[in-house]
């Protein structure tokens, strides 16, 4: 999963008192952003489904499959890329 972080957020200036860039980014994105992204994914899945499978049950099945796969990848990546200090 790739996340694009704008340069102004990823690289704080000296005036920012060395604030954590991820904290600054979380101020921009909230639950509304996540909700909108999920709804857009559902809509995209609906549009991508073949006509004969384009119904709520089939879209729900595919969204759940994709979501579970993404969470499994997140868990795996977290184990691989954890920074041990």
PDB file of N, CA and C in Angstrom:
ATOM      1  N   UNK A   1       0.855  -1.166   0.000  1.00  0.00           N
ATOM      2  CA  UNK A   1       0.000   0.000   0.000  1.00  0.00           C
ATOM      3  C   UNK A   1       0.900   1.229   0.000  1.00  0.00           C
ATOM      4  N   UNK A   2       0.685   2.098  -0.942  1.00  0.00           N
ATOM      5  CA  UNK A   2       1.494   3.301  -1.051  1.00  0.00           C
ATOM      6  C   UNK A   2       0.713   4.495  -0.528  1.00  0.00           C
ATOM      7  N   UNK A   3       1.400   5.345   0.185  1.00  0.00           N
ATOM      8  CA  UNK A   3       0.788   6.574   0.688  1.00  0.00           C
ATOM      9  C   UNK A   3       1.630   7.736   0.200  1.00  0.00           C
ATOM     10  N   UNK A   4       0.985   8.651  -0.496  1.00  0.00           N
ATOM     11  CA  UNK A   4       1.688   9.838  -0.976  1.00  0.00           C
ATOM     12  C   UNK A   4       1.633  10.899   0.116  1.00  0.00           C
ATOM     13  N   UNK A   5       2.787  11.372   0.520  1.00  0.00           N
ATOM     14  CA  UNK A   5       2.862  12.427   1.527  1.00  0.00           C
ATOM     15  C   UNK A   5       3.490  13.646   0.876  1.00  0.00           C
ATOM     16  N   UNK A   6       2.771  14.728   0.896  1.00  0.00           N
ATOM     17  CA  UNK A   6       3.255  15.956   0.271  1.00  0.00           C
ATOM     18  C   UNK A   6       4.539  16.412   0.942  1.00  0.00           C
ATOM     19  N   UNK A   7       5.440  16.972   0.170  1.00  0.00           N
ATOM     20  CA  UNK A   7       6.742  17.423   0.663  1.00  0.00           C
ATOM     21  C   UNK A   7       6.614  18.378   1.850  1.00  0.00           C
ATOM     22  N   UNK A   8       5.638  19.247   1.810  1.00  0.00           N
ATOM     23  CA  UNK A   8       5.478  20.225   2.894  1.00  0.00           C
ATOM     24  C   UNK A   8       5.121  19.549   4.209  1.00  0.00           C
ATOM     25  N   UNK A   9       4.529  18.386   4.144  1.00  0.00           N
ATOM     26  CA  UNK A   9       4.177  17.665   5.365  1.00  0.00           C
ATOM     27  C   UNK A   9       5.307  16.724   5.766  1.00  0.00           C
ATOM     28  N   UNK A  10       5.890  16.052   4.791  1.00  0.00           N
ATOM     29  CA  UNK A  10       6.902  15.047   5.080  1.00  0.00           C
ATOM     30  C   UNK A  10       8.210  15.651   5.583  1.00  0.00           C
ATOM     31  N   UNK A  11       8.493  16.872   5.200  1.00  0.00           N
ATOM     32  CA  UNK A  11       9.756  17.501   5.588  1.00  0.00           C
ATOM     33  C   UNK A  11       9.452  18.808   6.317  1.00  0.00           C
ATOM     34  N   UNK A  12       9.348  18.748   7.643  1.00  0.00           N
ATOM     35  CA  UNK A  12       9.000  19.963   8.370  1.00  0.00           C
ATOM     36  C   UNK A  12      10.096  21.018   8.270  1.00  0.00           C
ATOM     37  N   UNK A  13       9.672  22.276   8.250  1.00  0.00           N
ATOM     38  CA  UNK A  13      10.613  23.385   8.260  1.00  0.00           C
ATOM     39  C   UNK A  13      11.089  23.631   9.685  1.00  0.00           C
ATOM     40  N   UNK A  14      12.088  24.466   9.820  1.00  0.00           N
ATOM     41  CA  UNK A  14      12.599  24.783  11.148  1.00  0.00           C
ATOM     42  C   UNK A  14      11.538  25.463  12.007  1.00  0.00           C
ATOM     43  N   UNK A  15      10.587  26.172  11.372  1.00  0.00           N
ATOM     44  CA  UNK A  15       9.540  26.872  12.109  1.00  0.00           C
ATOM     45  C   UNK A  15       8.510  25.926  12.721  1.00  0.00           C
ATOM     46  N   UNK A  16       8.542  24.670  12.325  1.00  0.00           N
ATOM     47  CA  UNK A  16       7.544  23.708  12.785  1.00  0.00           C
ATOM     48  C   UNK A  16       7.902  23.082  14.134  1.00  0.00           C
ATOM     49  N   UNK A  17       8.983  23.513  14.736  1.00  0.00           N
ATOM     50  CA  UNK A  17       9.437  22.962  16.014  1.00  0.00           C
ATOM     51  C   UNK A  17       9.585  21.452  15.962  1.00  0.00           C
ATOM     52  N   UNK A  18      10.039  20.939  14.811  1.00  0.00           N
ATOM     53  CA  UNK A  18      10.289  19.519  14.619  1.00  0.00           C
ATOM     54  C   UNK A  18       9.074  18.648  14.930  1.00  0.00           C
ATOM     55  N   UNK A  19       7.886  19.110  14.520  1.00  0.00           N
ATOM     56  CA  UNK A  19       6.681  18.309  14.703  1.00  0.00           C
ATOM     57  C   UNK A  19       6.780  17.030  13.889  1.00  0.00           C
ATOM     58  N   UNK A  20       6.156  15.989  14.384  1.00  0.00           N
ATOM     59  CA  UNK A  20       6.125  14.709  13.700  1.00  0.00           C
ATOM     60  C   UNK A  20       5.298  14.857  12.418  1.00  0.00           C
ATOM     61  N   UNK A  21       5.870  14.554  11.256  1.00  0.00           N
ATOM     62  CA  UNK A  21       5.125  14.732  10.010  1.00  0.00           C
ATOM     63  C   UNK A  21       3.872  13.867   9.930  1.00  0.00           C
ATOM     64  N   UNK A  22       3.904  12.691  10.520  1.00  0.00           N
ATOM     65  CA  UNK A  22       2.715  11.838  10.495  1.00  0.00           C
ATOM     66  C   UNK A  22       1.602  12.434  11.348  1.00  0.00           C
ATOM     67  N   UNK A  23       1.957  13.101  12.432  1.00  0.00           N
ATOM     68  CA  UNK A  23       0.940  13.762  13.257  1.00  0.00           C
ATOM     69  C   UNK A  23       0.307  14.922  12.488  1.00  0.00           C
ATOM     70  N   UNK A  24       1.125  15.645  11.748  1.00  0.00           N
ATOM     71  CA  UNK A  24       0.591  16.739  10.944  1.00  0.00           C
ATOM     72  C   UNK A  24      -0.340  16.206   9.869  1.00  0.00           C
ATOM     73  N   UNK A  25       0.031  15.072   9.269  1.00  0.00           N
ATOM     74  CA  UNK A  25      -0.813  14.483   8.246  1.00  0.00           C
ATOM     75  C   UNK A  25      -2.135  13.999   8.842  1.00  0.00           C
ATOM     76  N   UNK A  26      -2.103  13.448  10.045  1.00  0.00           N
ATOM     77  CA  UNK A  26      -3.334  12.951  10.653  1.00  0.00           C
ATOM     78  C   UNK A  26      -4.291  14.089  10.979  1.00  0.00           C
ATOM     79  N   UNK A  27      -3.771  15.310  11.122  1.00  0.00           N
ATOM     80  CA  UNK A  27      -4.638  16.464  11.327  1.00  0.00           C
ATOM     81  C   UNK A  27      -5.440  16.764  10.058  1.00  0.00           C
ATOM     82  N   UNK A  28      -4.867  16.451   8.901  1.00  0.00           N
ATOM     83  CA  UNK A  28      -5.548  16.704   7.632  1.00  0.00           C
ATOM     84  C   UNK A  28      -6.605  15.638   7.340  1.00  0.00           C
ATOM     85  N   UNK A  29      -6.307  14.393   7.703  1.00  0.00           N
ATOM     86  CA  UNK A  29      -7.206  13.287   7.401  1.00  0.00           C
ATOM     87  C   UNK A  29      -7.893  12.843   8.680  1.00  0.00           C
ATOM     88  N   UNK A  30      -9.162  12.601   8.605  1.00  0.00           N
ATOM     89  CA  UNK A  30      -9.909  12.119   9.755  1.00  0.00           C
ATOM     90  C   UNK A  30     -10.834  11.004   9.332  1.00  0.00           C
ATOM     91  N   UNK A  31     -11.784  10.679  10.186  1.00  0.00           N
ATOM     92  CA  UNK A  31     -12.714   9.594   9.868  1.00  0.00           C
ATOM     93  C   UNK A  31     -13.504   9.858   8.586  1.00  0.00           C
ATOM     94  N   UNK A  32     -13.799  11.103   8.303  1.00  0.00           N
ATOM     95  CA  UNK A  32     -14.530  11.430   7.085  1.00  0.00           C
ATOM     96  C   UNK A  32     -13.762  11.050   5.840  1.00  0.00           C
ATOM     97  N   UNK A  33     -12.450  11.248   5.873  1.00  0.00           N
ATOM     98  CA  UNK A  33     -11.608  10.897   4.733  1.00  0.00           C
ATOM     99  C   UNK A  33     -11.620   9.387   4.514  1.00  0.00           C
ATOM    100  N   UNK A  34     -11.504   8.637   5.586  1.00  0.00           N
ATOM    101  CA  UNK A  34     -11.515   7.174   5.487  1.00  0.00           C
ATOM    102  C   UNK A  34     -12.871   6.702   4.967  1.00  0.00           C
ATOM    103  N   UNK A  35     -13.954   7.251   5.514  1.00  0.00           N
ATOM    104  CA  UNK A  35     -15.293   6.876   5.087  1.00  0.00           C
ATOM    105  C   UNK A  35     -15.472   7.124   3.591  1.00  0.00           C
ATOM    106  N   UNK A  36     -15.043   8.283   3.140  1.00  0.00           N
ATOM    107  CA  UNK A  36     -15.171   8.619   1.722  1.00  0.00           C
ATOM    108  C   UNK A  36     -14.359   7.654   0.855  1.00  0.00           C
ATOM    109  N   UNK A  37     -13.169   7.303   1.293  1.00  0.00           N
ATOM    110  CA  UNK A  37     -12.325   6.387   0.523  1.00  0.00           C
ATOM    111  C   UNK A  37     -12.962   4.999   0.420  1.00  0.00           C
ATOM    112  N   UNK A  38     -13.530   4.524   1.520  1.00  0.00           N
ATOM    113  CA  UNK A  38     -14.189   3.216   1.508  1.00  0.00           C
ATOM    114  C   UNK A  38     -15.386   3.242   0.562  1.00  0.00           C
ATOM    115  N   UNK A  39     -16.178   4.299   0.637  1.00  0.00           N
ATOM    116  CA  UNK A  39     -17.351   4.403  -0.240  1.00  0.00           C
ATOM    117  C   UNK A  39     -16.935   4.477  -1.713  1.00  0.00           C
ATOM    118  N   UNK A  40     -15.843   5.152  -2.002  1.00  0.00           N
ATOM    119  CA  UNK A  40     -15.350   5.212  -3.374  1.00  0.00           C
ATOM    120  C   UNK A  40     -14.891   3.836  -3.846  1.00  0.00           C
ATOM    121  N   UNK A  41     -14.271   3.069  -2.952  1.00  0.00           N
ATOM    122  CA  UNK A  41     -13.840   1.717  -3.302  1.00  0.00           C
ATOM    123  C   UNK A  41     -15.050   0.823  -3.601  1.00  0.00           C
ATOM    124  N   UNK A  42     -16.103   0.956  -2.813  1.00  0.00           N
ATOM    125  CA  UNK A  42     -17.321   0.174  -3.051  1.00  0.00           C
ATOM    126  C   UNK A  42     -17.913   0.550  -4.401  1.00  0.00           C
ATOM    127  N   UNK A  43     -17.976   1.832  -4.690  1.00  0.00           N
ATOM    128  CA  UNK A  43     -18.525   2.290  -5.965  1.00  0.00           C
ATOM    129  C   UNK A  43     -17.682   1.783  -7.135  1.00  0.00           C
ATOM    130  N   UNK A  44     -16.362   1.834  -6.998  1.00  0.00           N
ATOM    131  CA  UNK A  44     -15.475   1.355  -8.061  1.00  0.00           C
ATOM    132  C   UNK A  44     -15.667  -0.142  -8.272  1.00  0.00           C
ATOM    133  N   UNK A  45     -15.821  -0.881  -7.193  1.00  0.00           N
ATOM    134  CA  UNK A  45     -16.053  -2.322  -7.300  1.00  0.00           C
ATOM    135  C   UNK A  45     -17.373  -2.586  -8.013  1.00  0.00           C
ATOM    136  N   UNK A  46     -18.400  -1.838  -7.652  1.00  0.00           N
ATOM    137  CA  UNK A  46     -19.710  -1.983  -8.313  1.00  0.00           C
ATOM    138  C   UNK A  46     -19.570  -1.785  -9.827  1.00  0.00           C
ATOM    139  N   UNK A  47     -18.872  -0.727 -10.216  1.00  0.00           N
ATOM    140  CA  UNK A  47     -18.732  -0.418 -11.635  1.00  0.00           C
ATOM    141  C   UNK A  47     -17.871  -1.448 -12.363  1.00  0.00           C
ATOM    142  N   UNK A  48     -16.917  -2.055 -11.658  1.00  0.00           N
ATOM    143  CA  UNK A  48     -16.006  -3.009 -12.287  1.00  0.00           C
ATOM    144  C   UNK A  48     -16.595  -4.419 -12.397  1.00  0.00           C
ATOM    145  N   UNK A  49     -17.631  -4.703 -11.635  1.00  0.00           N
ATOM    146  CA  UNK A  49     -18.217  -6.052 -11.651  1.00  0.00           C
ATOM    147  C   UNK A  49     -18.870  -6.319 -13.004  1.00  0.00           C
ATOM    148  N   UNK A  50     -18.764  -7.553 -13.507  1.00  0.00           N
ATOM    149  CA  UNK A  50     -19.495  -7.909 -14.728  1.00  0.00           C
ATOM    150  C   UNK A  50     -20.999  -7.744 -14.482  1.00  0.00           C
ATOM    151  N   UNK A  51     -21.740  -7.398 -15.503  1.00  0.00           N
ATOM    152  CA  UNK A  51     -23.169  -7.098 -15.355  1.00  0.00           C
ATOM    153  C   UNK A  51     -23.928  -8.223 -14.659  1.00  0.00           C
ATOM    154  N   UNK A  52     -23.617  -9.466 -14.955  1.00  0.00           N
ATOM    155  CA  UNK A  52     -24.342 -10.587 -14.367  1.00  0.00           C
ATOM    156  C   UNK A  52     -24.053 -10.773 -12.875  1.00  0.00           C
ATOM    157  N   UNK A  53     -22.985 -10.173 -12.376  1.00  0.00           N
ATOM    158  CA  UNK A  53     -22.645 -10.260 -10.945  1.00  0.00           C
ATOM    159  C   UNK A  53     -22.830  -8.927 -10.228  1.00  0.00           C
ATOM    160  N   UNK A  54     -23.315  -7.917 -10.912  1.00  0.00           N
ATOM    161  CA  UNK A  54     -23.436  -6.585 -10.331  1.00  0.00           C
ATOM    162  C   UNK A  54     -24.695  -6.502  -9.470  1.00  0.00           C
ATOM    163  N   UNK A  55     -24.524  -6.946  -8.208  1.00  0.00           N
ATOM    164  CA  UNK A  55     -25.594  -6.839  -7.221  1.00  0.00           C
ATOM    165  C   UNK A  55     -24.949  -6.643  -5.862  1.00  0.00           C
ATOM    166  N   UNK A  56     -25.738  -6.264  -4.888  1.00  0.00           N
ATOM    167  CA  UNK A  56     -25.198  -5.905  -3.574  1.00  0.00           C
ATOM    168  C   UNK A  56     -24.448  -7.081  -2.940  1.00  0.00           C
ATOM    169  N   UNK A  57     -25.002  -8.275  -3.016  1.00  0.00           N
ATOM    170  CA  UNK A  57     -24.363  -9.436  -2.381  1.00  0.00           C
ATOM    171  C   UNK A  57     -22.984  -9.718  -2.986  1.00  0.00           C
ATOM    172  N   UNK A  58     -22.886  -9.662  -4.307  1.00  0.00           N
ATOM    173  CA  UNK A  58     -21.602  -9.938  -4.964  1.00  0.00           C
ATOM    174  C   UNK A  58     -20.573  -8.847  -4.679  1.00  0.00           C
ATOM    175  N   UNK A  59     -21.006  -7.607  -4.703  1.00  0.00           N
ATOM    176  CA  UNK A  59     -20.085  -6.503  -4.408  1.00  0.00           C
ATOM    177  C   UNK A  59     -19.613  -6.601  -2.960  1.00  0.00           C
ATOM    178  N   UNK A  60     -20.520  -6.885  -2.051  1.00  0.00           N
ATOM    179  CA  UNK A  60     -20.129  -7.044  -0.649  1.00  0.00           C
ATOM    180  C   UNK A  60     -19.110  -8.167  -0.487  1.00  0.00           C
ATOM    181  N   UNK A  61     -19.344  -9.284  -1.162  1.00  0.00           N
ATOM    182  CA  UNK A  61     -18.413 -10.421  -1.086  1.00  0.00           C
ATOM    183  C   UNK A  61     -17.021 -10.014  -1.563  1.00  0.00           C
ATOM    184  N   UNK A  62     -16.951  -9.301  -2.689  1.00  0.00           N
ATOM    185  CA  UNK A  62     -15.650  -8.896  -3.222  1.00  0.00           C
ATOM    186  C   UNK A  62     -14.977  -7.840  -2.359  1.00  0.00           C
ATOM    187  N   UNK A  63     -15.739  -6.893  -1.854  1.00  0.00           N
ATOM    188  CA  UNK A  63     -15.160  -5.865  -0.983  1.00  0.00           C
ATOM    189  C   UNK A  63     -14.597  -6.507   0.279  1.00  0.00           C
ATOM    190  N   UNK A  64     -15.330  -7.432   0.880  1.00  0.00           N
ATOM    191  CA  UNK A  64     -14.826  -8.125   2.077  1.00  0.00           C
ATOM    192  C   UNK A  64     -13.562  -8.920   1.762  1.00  0.00           C
ATOM    193  N   UNK A  65     -13.529  -9.590   0.599  1.00  0.00           N
ATOM    194  CA  UNK A  65     -12.340 -10.361   0.204  1.00  0.00           C
ATOM    195  C   UNK A  65     -11.134  -9.443   0.051  1.00  0.00           C
ATOM    196  N   UNK A  66     -11.328  -8.314  -0.633  1.00  0.00           N
ATOM    197  CA  UNK A  66     -10.234  -7.362  -0.828  1.00  0.00           C
ATOM    198  C   UNK A  66      -9.781  -6.751   0.497  1.00  0.00           C
ATOM    199  N   UNK A  67     -10.743  -6.426   1.351  1.00  0.00           N
ATOM    200  CA  UNK A  67     -10.432  -5.836   2.657  1.00  0.00           C
ATOM    201  C   UNK A  67      -9.626  -6.807   3.515  1.00  0.00           C
ATOM    202  N   UNK A  68     -10.063  -8.060   3.563  1.00  0.00           N
ATOM    203  CA  UNK A  68      -9.335  -9.065   4.355  1.00  0.00           C
ATOM    204  C   UNK A  68      -7.923  -9.276   3.814  1.00  0.00           C
ATOM    205  N   UNK A  69      -7.778  -9.284   2.494  1.00  0.00           N
ATOM    206  CA  UNK A  69      -6.448  -9.435   1.894  1.00  0.00           C
ATOM    207  C   UNK A  69      -5.564  -8.244   2.248  1.00  0.00           C
ATOM    208  N   UNK A  70      -6.132  -7.034   2.195  1.00  0.00           N
ATOM    209  CA  UNK A  70      -5.356  -5.836   2.526  1.00  0.00           C
ATOM    210  C   UNK A  70      -4.922  -5.853   3.989  1.00  0.00           C
ATOM    211  N   UNK A  71      -5.817  -6.280   4.895  1.00  0.00           N
ATOM    212  CA  UNK A  71      -5.450  -6.364   6.311  1.00  0.00           C
ATOM    213  C   UNK A  71      -4.373  -7.417   6.551  1.00  0.00           C
ATOM    214  N   UNK A  72      -4.470  -8.537   5.861  1.00  0.00           N
ATOM    215  CA  UNK A  72      -3.441  -9.575   5.998  1.00  0.00           C
ATOM    216  C   UNK A  72      -2.093  -9.039   5.528  1.00  0.00           C
ATOM    217  N   UNK A  73      -2.093  -8.297   4.421  1.00  0.00           N
ATOM    218  CA  UNK A  73      -0.850  -7.701   3.927  1.00  0.00           C
ATOM    219  C   UNK A  73      -0.308  -6.684   4.917  1.00  0.00           C
ATOM    220  N   UNK A  74      -1.196  -5.910   5.525  1.00  0.00           N
ATOM    221  CA  UNK A  74      -0.774  -4.932   6.524  1.00  0.00           C
ATOM    222  C   UNK A  74      -0.091  -5.620   7.702  1.00  0.00           C
ATOM    223  N   UNK A  75      -0.714  -6.696   8.190  1.00  0.00           N
ATOM    224  CA  UNK A  75      -0.110  -7.439   9.311  1.00  0.00           C
ATOM    225  C   UNK A  75       1.256  -8.000   8.931  1.00  0.00           C
ATOM    226  N   UNK A  76       1.338  -8.596   7.745  1.00  0.00           N
ATOM    227  CA  UNK A  76       2.600  -9.168   7.285  1.00  0.00           C
ATOM    228  C   UNK A  76       3.667  -8.085   7.138  1.00  0.00           C
ATOM    229  N   UNK A  77       3.301  -6.964   6.523  1.00  0.00           N
ATOM    230  CA  UNK A  77       4.251  -5.872   6.348  1.00  0.00           C
ATOM    231  C   UNK A  77       4.703  -5.314   7.689  1.00  0.00           C
ATOM    232  N   UNK A  78       3.790  -5.221   8.637  1.00  0.00           N
ATOM    233  CA  UNK A  78       4.150  -4.694   9.953  1.00  0.00           C
ATOM    234  C   UNK A  78       5.188  -5.578  10.628  1.00  0.00           C
ATOM    235  N   UNK A  79       5.079  -6.880  10.446  1.00  0.00           N
ATOM    236  CA  UNK A  79       6.058  -7.794  11.029  1.00  0.00           C
ATOM    237  C   UNK A  79       7.417  -7.682  10.324  1.00  0.00           C
ATOM    238  N   UNK A  80       7.378  -7.478   9.030  1.00  0.00           N
ATOM    239  CA  UNK A  80       8.618  -7.429   8.252  1.00  0.00           C
ATOM    240  C   UNK A  80       9.342  -6.106   8.430  1.00  0.00           C
ATOM    241  N   UNK A  81       8.589  -5.008   8.435  1.00  0.00           N
ATOM    242  CA  UNK A  81       9.210  -3.690   8.406  1.00  0.00           C
ATOM    243  C   UNK A  81       9.248  -2.982   9.751  1.00  0.00           C
ATOM    244  N   UNK A  82       8.931  -3.684  10.821  1.00  0.00           N
ATOM    245  CA  UNK A  82       8.957  -3.053  12.135  1.00  0.00           C
ATOM    246  C   UNK A  82      10.394  -2.594  12.425  1.00  0.00           C
ATOM    247  N   UNK A  83      10.490  -1.413  12.958  1.00  0.00           N
ATOM    248  CA  UNK A  83      11.822  -0.857  13.298  1.00  0.00           C
ATOM    249  C   UNK A  83      12.125  -1.158  14.754  1.00  0.00           C
ATOM    250  N   UNK A  84      13.131  -1.936  14.954  1.00  0.00           N
ATOM    251  CA  UNK A  84      13.513  -2.301  16.313  1.00  0.00           C
ATOM    252  C   UNK A  84      14.694  -1.450  16.723  1.00  0.00           C
ATOM    253  N   UNK A  85      14.515  -0.813  17.841  1.00  0.00           N
ATOM    254  CA  UNK A  85      15.537   0.139  18.227  1.00  0.00           C
ATOM    255  C   UNK A  85      16.391  -0.344  19.288  1.00  0.00           C
TER     256      UNK A  85
END
